[in-house]
Amino acid sequence: MNNSASFNLLASSPPHFEFFNFVSATQPIQDTDLIRQLPFIPGLKEILMLRQVHALEHATVWVLGESHSDQITSTSKNRQFDNELLGGLSTEQGFYLYGQVNITSLQRAVRIALQRLTGGESDLAVHPRCGTNVSVGMLLTVGLALGIHFLLPRGPIEQLLGLGVAATTASQLAPDLGILAQQYVTTAIPFNLAIEDITVTRDVWGRSAHFVRVRWED
């Protein structure tokens, strides 16, 4: 084989799309490159932005939890504390933050969260109370229940036992699978986000919240 010809062929090949790179999104210019390479996919930018906002939402809740924890010490900066009175909801324009929080504290927390995420603390992008975990648990339960329904005899006792096994198995698997789904599907490091403003508002259901508005930067 002609090595020179082979090299030229490889060098002239168009960039290829790697699914793993899409779901991990750990490089600063990765999402920007995806938008440039796949401009024909409708809503791609909004999806990528939503994943980054989702990560920032989680990290902000973690930072606020840390700031309100009496257990914080100079040697526990890598530990995470969850304030269960806080919650969030992400959109492609920013995220709602629910719960009692001072707007000055929230502004500081969002800035710190963004800095820490882009600085390498990717674990802040994942949260155990995320709705992703609930969705994964429901899908697992339904999938296992259907599978067991077709595998087991049709008697009511067997079916009830099978349903119990499905629910128990799903509850055991869901937390770990939910974390994986967050890491590789529903969140991404917010390398392209800049904070615009934070306002007190109400969501579409009329609930009081702070809204952290962000913008996309290439």
C-alpha atoms as a PDB file:
ATOM      1  CA  MET A   1       0.000   0.000   0.000  1.00  0.00           C
ATOM      2  CA  ASN A   2       1.181   3.535  -0.758  1.00  0.00           C
ATOM      3  CA  ASN A   3       1.714   5.109   2.689  1.00  0.00           C
ATOM      4  CA  SER A   4       1.726   8.648   1.280  1.00  0.00           C
ATOM      5  CA  ALA A   5      -1.611   8.147  -0.456  1.00  0.00           C
ATOM      6  CA  SER A   6      -3.068   6.574   2.679  1.00  0.00           C
ATOM      7  CA  PHE A   7      -1.972   9.533   4.814  1.00  0.00           C
ATOM      8  CA  ASN A   8      -3.474  12.028   2.378  1.00  0.00           C
ATOM      9  CA  LEU A   9      -6.774  10.156   2.388  1.00  0.00           C
ATOM     10  CA  LEU A  10      -6.962  10.214   6.178  1.00  0.00           C
ATOM     11  CA  ALA A  11      -5.961  13.840   6.360  1.00  0.00           C
ATOM     12  CA  SER A  12      -8.675  14.882   3.941  1.00  0.00           C
ATOM     13  CA  SER A  13     -11.458  12.937   5.659  1.00  0.00           C
ATOM     14  CA  PRO A  14     -14.177  15.090   7.257  1.00  0.00           C
ATOM     15  CA  PRO A  15     -14.379  15.210  11.068  1.00  0.00           C
ATOM     16  CA  HIS A  16     -16.516  12.403  12.428  1.00  0.00           C
ATOM     17  CA  PHE A  17     -19.075  12.546  15.199  1.00  0.00           C
ATOM     18  CA  GLU A  18     -18.334  10.521  18.319  1.00  0.00           C
ATOM     19  CA  PHE A  19     -21.318   9.742  20.519  1.00  0.00           C
ATOM     20  CA  PHE A  20     -19.233   9.309  23.670  1.00  0.00           C
ATOM     21  CA  ASN A  21     -17.739  12.757  23.221  1.00  0.00           C
ATOM     22  CA  PHE A  22     -21.251  14.157  22.898  1.00  0.00           C
ATOM     23  CA  VAL A  23     -22.537  12.607  26.097  1.00  0.00           C
ATOM     24  CA  SER A  24     -19.474  13.336  28.214  1.00  0.00           C
ATOM     25  CA  ALA A  25     -18.966  16.974  27.116  1.00  0.00           C
ATOM     26  CA  THR A  26     -15.815  17.561  29.141  1.00  0.00           C
ATOM     27  CA  GLN A  27     -13.902  19.773  26.687  1.00  0.00           C
ATOM     28  CA  PRO A  28     -14.333  23.575  26.685  1.00  0.00           C
ATOM     29  CA  ILE A  29     -15.036  23.838  22.932  1.00  0.00           C
ATOM     30  CA  GLN A  30     -16.780  20.520  22.474  1.00  0.00           C
ATOM     31  CA  ASP A  31     -20.406  21.707  22.377  1.00  0.00           C
ATOM     32  CA  THR A  32     -19.443  24.619  20.139  1.00  0.00           C
ATOM     33  CA  ASP A  33     -17.810  22.179  17.730  1.00  0.00           C
ATOM     34  CA  LEU A  34     -20.922  19.979  17.724  1.00  0.00           C
ATOM     35  CA  ILE A  35     -23.109  22.914  16.718  1.00  0.00           C
ATOM     36  CA  ARG A  36     -20.724  23.742  13.878  1.00  0.00           C
ATOM     37  CA  GLN A  37     -20.487  20.143  12.695  1.00  0.00           C
ATOM     38  CA  LEU A  38     -24.210  19.347  12.995  1.00  0.00           C
ATOM     39  CA  PRO A  39     -26.051  22.581  12.108  1.00  0.00           C
ATOM     40  CA  PHE A  40     -28.803  20.612  10.383  1.00  0.00           C
ATOM     41  CA  ILE A  41     -30.138  19.140  13.633  1.00  0.00           C
ATOM     42  CA  PRO A  42     -33.046  21.324  14.824  1.00  0.00           C
ATOM     43  CA  GLY A  43     -32.890  22.363  18.460  1.00  0.00           C
ATOM     44  CA  LEU A  44     -29.365  21.029  19.005  1.00  0.00           C
ATOM     45  CA  LYS A  45     -28.094  24.241  20.573  1.00  0.00           C
ATOM     46  CA  GLU A  46     -31.081  24.382  22.921  1.00  0.00           C
ATOM     47  CA  ILE A  47     -30.479  20.767  24.004  1.00  0.00           C
ATOM     48  CA  LEU A  48     -26.787  21.382  24.637  1.00  0.00           C
ATOM     49  CA  MET A  49     -27.566  24.573  26.523  1.00  0.00           C
ATOM     50  CA  LEU A  50     -30.172  22.811  28.657  1.00  0.00           C
ATOM     51  CA  ARG A  51     -27.618  20.157  29.666  1.00  0.00           C
ATOM     52  CA  GLN A  52     -25.157  22.851  30.736  1.00  0.00           C
ATOM     53  CA  VAL A  53     -27.821  24.804  32.629  1.00  0.00           C
ATOM     54  CA  HIS A  54     -28.861  21.590  34.373  1.00  0.00           C
ATOM     55  CA  ALA A  55     -25.318  21.066  35.626  1.00  0.00           C
ATOM     56  CA  LEU A  56     -25.096  24.676  36.835  1.00  0.00           C
ATOM     57  CA  GLU A  57     -28.405  24.288  38.664  1.00  0.00           C
ATOM     58  CA  HIS A  58     -27.139  21.234  40.544  1.00  0.00           C
ATOM     59  CA  ALA A  59     -23.821  22.849  41.389  1.00  0.00           C
ATOM     60  CA  THR A  60     -25.566  25.974  42.692  1.00  0.00           C
ATOM     61  CA  VAL A  61     -27.731  23.884  45.031  1.00  0.00           C
ATOM     62  CA  TRP A  62     -24.591  22.121  46.301  1.00  0.00           C
ATOM     63  CA  VAL A  63     -22.781  25.416  46.912  1.00  0.00           C
ATOM     64  CA  LEU A  64     -25.771  26.895  48.726  1.00  0.00           C
ATOM     65  CA  GLY A  65     -25.979  23.736  50.821  1.00  0.00           C
ATOM     66  CA  GLU A  66     -22.329  24.079  51.770  1.00  0.00           C
ATOM     67  CA  SER A  67     -22.710  27.728  52.703  1.00  0.00           C
ATOM     68  CA  HIS A  68     -25.561  26.878  55.097  1.00  0.00           C
ATOM     69  CA  SER A  69     -23.892  23.881  56.676  1.00  0.00           C
ATOM     70  CA  ASP A  70     -22.423  24.174  60.145  1.00  0.00           C
ATOM     71  CA  GLN A  71     -20.170  21.217  59.343  1.00  0.00           C
ATOM     72  CA  ILE A  72     -17.976  23.102  56.834  1.00  0.00           C
ATOM     73  CA  THR A  73     -14.329  23.221  57.883  1.00  0.00           C
ATOM     74  CA  SER A  74     -11.133  24.168  56.111  1.00  0.00           C
ATOM     75  CA  THR A  75     -10.376  20.477  55.562  1.00  0.00           C
ATOM     76  CA  SER A  76     -13.768  19.477  54.139  1.00  0.00           C
ATOM     77  CA  LYS A  77     -13.906  21.647  51.026  1.00  0.00           C
ATOM     78  CA  ASN A  78     -14.429  18.608  48.786  1.00  0.00           C
ATOM     79  CA  ARG A  79     -17.416  17.326  50.755  1.00  0.00           C
ATOM     80  CA  GLN A  80     -20.926  18.026  49.567  1.00  0.00           C
ATOM     81  CA  PHE A  81     -23.824  19.083  51.769  1.00  0.00           C
ATOM     82  CA  ASP A  82     -27.397  19.009  50.529  1.00  0.00           C
ATOM     83  CA  ASN A  83     -29.968  21.548  51.677  1.00  0.00           C
ATOM     84  CA  GLU A  84     -33.191  19.638  51.049  1.00  0.00           C
ATOM     85  CA  LEU A  85     -35.240  22.837  51.338  1.00  0.00           C
ATOM     86  CA  LEU A  86     -33.819  23.987  48.010  1.00  0.00           C
ATOM     87  CA  GLY A  87     -34.814  22.753  44.565  1.00  0.00           C
ATOM     88  CA  GLY A  88     -34.430  23.750  40.961  1.00  0.00           C
ATOM     89  CA  LEU A  89     -35.870  23.505  37.482  1.00  0.00           C
ATOM     90  CA  SER A  90     -33.757  24.006  34.363  1.00  0.00           C
ATOM     91  CA  THR A  91     -34.744  25.558  31.050  1.00  0.00           C
ATOM     92  CA  GLU A  92     -32.694  26.460  27.996  1.00  0.00           C
ATOM     93  CA  GLN A  93     -32.679  30.110  29.162  1.00  0.00           C
ATOM     94  CA  GLY A  94     -31.635  29.519  32.757  1.00  0.00           C
ATOM     95  CA  PHE A  95     -32.966  27.840  35.859  1.00  0.00           C
ATOM     96  CA  TYR A  96     -35.495  28.424  38.631  1.00  0.00           C
ATOM     97  CA  LEU A  97     -34.260  28.123  42.205  1.00  0.00           C
ATOM     98  CA  TYR A  98     -36.944  27.310  44.793  1.00  0.00           C
ATOM     99  CA  GLY A  99     -36.604  27.857  48.522  1.00  0.00           C
ATOM    100  CA  GLN A 100     -35.663  30.585  50.940  1.00  0.00           C
ATOM    101  CA  VAL A 101     -32.387  32.125  49.820  1.00  0.00           C
ATOM    102  CA  ASN A 102     -30.918  35.607  49.905  1.00  0.00           C
ATOM    103  CA  ILE A 103     -30.401  36.949  46.388  1.00  0.00           C
ATOM    104  CA  THR A 104     -26.886  38.133  47.254  1.00  0.00           C
ATOM    105  CA  SER A 105     -26.012  34.647  48.492  1.00  0.00           C
ATOM    106  CA  LEU A 106     -27.514  33.170  45.331  1.00  0.00           C
ATOM    107  CA  GLN A 107     -25.491  35.473  43.089  1.00  0.00           C
ATOM    108  CA  ARG A 108     -22.316  34.443  44.879  1.00  0.00           C
ATOM    109  CA  ALA A 109     -23.247  30.738  44.789  1.00  0.00           C
ATOM    110  CA  VAL A 110     -23.947  30.761  41.045  1.00  0.00           C
ATOM    111  CA  ARG A 111     -20.588  32.392  40.306  1.00  0.00           C
ATOM    112  CA  ILE A 112     -18.748  29.924  42.544  1.00  0.00           C
ATOM    113  CA  ALA A 113     -20.666  26.975  41.057  1.00  0.00           C
ATOM    114  CA  LEU A 114     -19.723  28.012  37.518  1.00  0.00           C
ATOM    115  CA  GLN A 115     -16.078  28.490  38.465  1.00  0.00           C
ATOM    116  CA  ARG A 116     -15.838  25.145  40.242  1.00  0.00           C
ATOM    117  CA  LEU A 117     -17.568  23.212  37.465  1.00  0.00           C
ATOM    118  CA  THR A 118     -15.368  24.645  34.731  1.00  0.00           C
ATOM    119  CA  GLY A 119     -12.355  24.269  37.022  1.00  0.00           C
ATOM    120  CA  GLY A 120     -12.684  20.492  37.162  1.00  0.00           C
ATOM    121  CA  GLU A 121     -15.200  19.677  39.922  1.00  0.00           C
ATOM    122  CA  SER A 122     -17.513  17.765  37.602  1.00  0.00           C
ATOM    123  CA  ASP A 123     -19.082  15.864  40.523  1.00  0.00           C
ATOM    124  CA  LEU A 124     -21.046  19.024  41.335  1.00  0.00           C
ATOM    125  CA  ALA A 125     -23.050  18.491  38.127  1.00  0.00           C
ATOM    126  CA  VAL A 126     -24.751  15.430  39.620  1.00  0.00           C
ATOM    127  CA  HIS A 127     -27.394  15.555  42.342  1.00  0.00           C
ATOM    128  CA  PRO A 128     -29.195  12.673  44.117  1.00  0.00           C
ATOM    129  CA  ARG A 129     -32.530  14.523  44.194  1.00  0.00           C
ATOM    130  CA  CYS A 130     -32.549  15.157  40.455  1.00  0.00           C
ATOM    131  CA  GLY A 131     -35.685  14.231  38.538  1.00  0.00           C
ATOM    132  CA  THR A 132     -33.500  12.170  36.215  1.00  0.00           C
ATOM    133  CA  ASN A 133     -33.199   9.570  38.975  1.00  0.00           C
ATOM    134  CA  VAL A 134     -36.975   9.408  39.335  1.00  0.00           C
ATOM    135  CA  SER A 135     -37.433   9.012  35.577  1.00  0.00           C
ATOM    136  CA  VAL A 136     -34.830   6.258  35.422  1.00  0.00           C
ATOM    137  CA  GLY A 137     -36.518   4.470  38.315  1.00  0.00           C
ATOM    138  CA  MET A 138     -39.915   4.634  36.616  1.00  0.00           C
ATOM    139  CA  LEU A 139     -38.538   3.363  33.311  1.00  0.00           C
ATOM    140  CA  LEU A 140     -36.743   0.517  35.061  1.00  0.00           C
ATOM    141  CA  THR A 141     -39.850  -0.467  37.009  1.00  0.00           C
ATOM    142  CA  VAL A 142     -42.046  -0.481  33.906  1.00  0.00           C
ATOM    143  CA  GLY A 143     -39.470  -2.341  31.826  1.00  0.00           C
ATOM    144  CA  LEU A 144     -38.812  -5.007  34.439  1.00  0.00           C
ATOM    145  CA  ALA A 145     -42.514  -5.387  35.204  1.00  0.00           C
ATOM    146  CA  LEU A 146     -43.316  -5.958  31.531  1.00  0.00           C
ATOM    147  CA  GLY A 147     -40.472  -8.417  31.162  1.00  0.00           C
ATOM    148  CA  ILE A 148     -41.507 -10.407  34.206  1.00  0.00           C
ATOM    149  CA  HIS A 149     -45.146 -10.298  33.098  1.00  0.00           C
ATOM    150  CA  PHE A 150     -44.278 -12.152  29.890  1.00  0.00           C
ATOM    151  CA  LEU A 151     -41.804 -14.524  31.542  1.00  0.00           C
ATOM    152  CA  LEU A 152     -43.843 -15.696  34.523  1.00  0.00           C
ATOM    153  CA  PRO A 153     -47.058 -17.732  34.528  1.00  0.00           C
ATOM    154  CA  ARG A 154     -50.244 -15.699  34.207  1.00  0.00           C
ATOM    155  CA  GLY A 155     -51.525 -16.576  37.685  1.00  0.00           C
ATOM    156  CA  PRO A 156     -52.307 -13.589  39.943  1.00  0.00           C
ATOM    157  CA  ILE A 157     -49.928 -14.707  42.727  1.00  0.00           C
ATOM    158  CA  GLU A 158     -47.015 -15.156  40.325  1.00  0.00           C
ATOM    159  CA  GLN A 159     -47.732 -11.808  38.684  1.00  0.00           C
ATOM    160  CA  LEU A 160     -47.925 -10.007  42.030  1.00  0.00           C
ATOM    161  CA  LEU A 161     -44.660 -11.574  43.141  1.00  0.00           C
ATOM    162  CA  GLY A 162     -43.103 -10.611  39.837  1.00  0.00           C
ATOM    163  CA  LEU A 163     -44.264  -7.024  40.225  1.00  0.00           C
ATOM    164  CA  GLY A 164     -42.729  -6.905  43.689  1.00  0.00           C
ATOM    165  CA  VAL A 165     -39.444  -8.234  42.371  1.00  0.00           C
ATOM    166  CA  ALA A 166     -39.484  -5.662  39.549  1.00  0.00           C
ATOM    167  CA  ALA A 167     -40.132  -2.764  41.932  1.00  0.00           C
ATOM    168  CA  THR A 168     -37.459  -3.921  44.396  1.00  0.00           C
ATOM    169  CA  THR A 169     -34.866  -4.466  41.683  1.00  0.00           C
ATOM    170  CA  ALA A 170     -35.618  -1.085  40.101  1.00  0.00           C
ATOM    171  CA  SER A 171     -35.279   0.699  43.445  1.00  0.00           C
ATOM    172  CA  GLN A 172     -31.856  -0.893  43.938  1.00  0.00           C
ATOM    173  CA  LEU A 173     -30.574  -0.087  40.451  1.00  0.00           C
ATOM    174  CA  ALA A 174     -32.143   3.326  39.911  1.00  0.00           C
ATOM    175  CA  PRO A 175     -29.782   5.473  42.050  1.00  0.00           C
ATOM    176  CA  ASP A 176     -26.613   4.287  40.316  1.00  0.00           C
ATOM    177  CA  LEU A 177     -28.158   4.292  36.844  1.00  0.00           C
ATOM    178  CA  GLY A 178     -29.670   7.713  37.513  1.00  0.00           C
ATOM    179  CA  ILE A 179     -26.238   9.084  38.392  1.00  0.00           C
ATOM    180  CA  LEU A 180     -24.839   7.659  35.149  1.00  0.00           C
ATOM    181  CA  ALA A 181     -27.717   9.159  33.176  1.00  0.00           C
ATOM    182  CA  GLN A 182     -26.983  12.559  34.707  1.00  0.00           C
ATOM    183  CA  GLN A 183     -23.261  12.289  34.014  1.00  0.00           C
ATOM    184  CA  TYR A 184     -23.563  11.223  30.396  1.00  0.00           C
ATOM    185  CA  VAL A 185     -26.979  12.372  29.179  1.00  0.00           C
ATOM    186  CA  THR A 186     -28.760  15.138  31.085  1.00  0.00           C
ATOM    187  CA  THR A 187     -25.886  17.366  32.239  1.00  0.00           C
ATOM    188  CA  ALA A 188     -22.707  18.817  30.748  1.00  0.00           C
ATOM    189  CA  ILE A 189     -19.998  21.104  32.095  1.00  0.00           C
ATOM    190  CA  PRO A 190     -21.156  24.699  31.398  1.00  0.00           C
ATOM    191  CA  PHE A 191     -18.152  25.899  29.431  1.00  0.00           C
ATOM    192  CA  ASN A 192     -20.411  27.993  27.176  1.00  0.00           C
ATOM    193  CA  LEU A 193     -22.573  29.682  29.795  1.00  0.00           C
ATOM    194  CA  ALA A 194     -22.328  33.233  31.123  1.00  0.00           C
ATOM    195  CA  ILE A 195     -24.577  34.578  33.871  1.00  0.00           C
ATOM    196  CA  GLU A 196     -26.817  37.460  32.798  1.00  0.00           C
ATOM    197  CA  ASP A 197     -28.967  38.262  35.817  1.00  0.00           C
ATOM    198  CA  ILE A 198     -30.952  36.857  38.712  1.00  0.00           C
ATOM    199  CA  THR A 199     -34.517  37.960  39.378  1.00  0.00           C
ATOM    200  CA  VAL A 200     -37.347  37.137  41.768  1.00  0.00           C
ATOM    201  CA  THR A 201     -40.235  35.752  39.732  1.00  0.00           C
ATOM    202  CA  ARG A 202     -42.879  33.040  39.489  1.00  0.00           C
ATOM    203  CA  ASP A 203     -42.728  29.938  37.347  1.00  0.00           C
ATOM    204  CA  VAL A 204     -45.445  28.769  34.958  1.00  0.00           C
ATOM    205  CA  TRP A 205     -47.301  27.138  37.871  1.00  0.00           C
ATOM    206  CA  GLY A 206     -47.286  30.360  39.884  1.00  0.00           C
ATOM    207  CA  ARG A 207     -44.687  29.227  42.403  1.00  0.00           C
ATOM    208  CA  SER A 208     -42.339  31.875  43.783  1.00  0.00           C
ATOM    209  CA  ALA A 209     -38.716  31.399  42.747  1.00  0.00           C
ATOM    210  CA  HIS A 210     -35.484  33.065  41.741  1.00  0.00           C
ATOM    211  CA  PHE A 211     -34.638  32.798  38.056  1.00  0.00           C
ATOM    212  CA  VAL A 212     -30.996  32.649  37.053  1.00  0.00           C
ATOM    213  CA  ARG A 213     -30.807  33.772  33.437  1.00  0.00           C
ATOM    214  CA  VAL A 214     -27.802  32.736  31.365  1.00  0.00           C
ATOM    215  CA  ARG A 215     -26.569  33.254  27.830  1.00  0.00           C
ATOM    216  CA  TRP A 216     -24.562  31.123  25.427  1.00  0.00           C
ATOM    217  CA  GLU A 217     -21.005  32.135  24.597  1.00  0.00           C
ATOM    218  CA  ASP A 218     -18.973  30.344  21.895  1.00  0.00           C
END
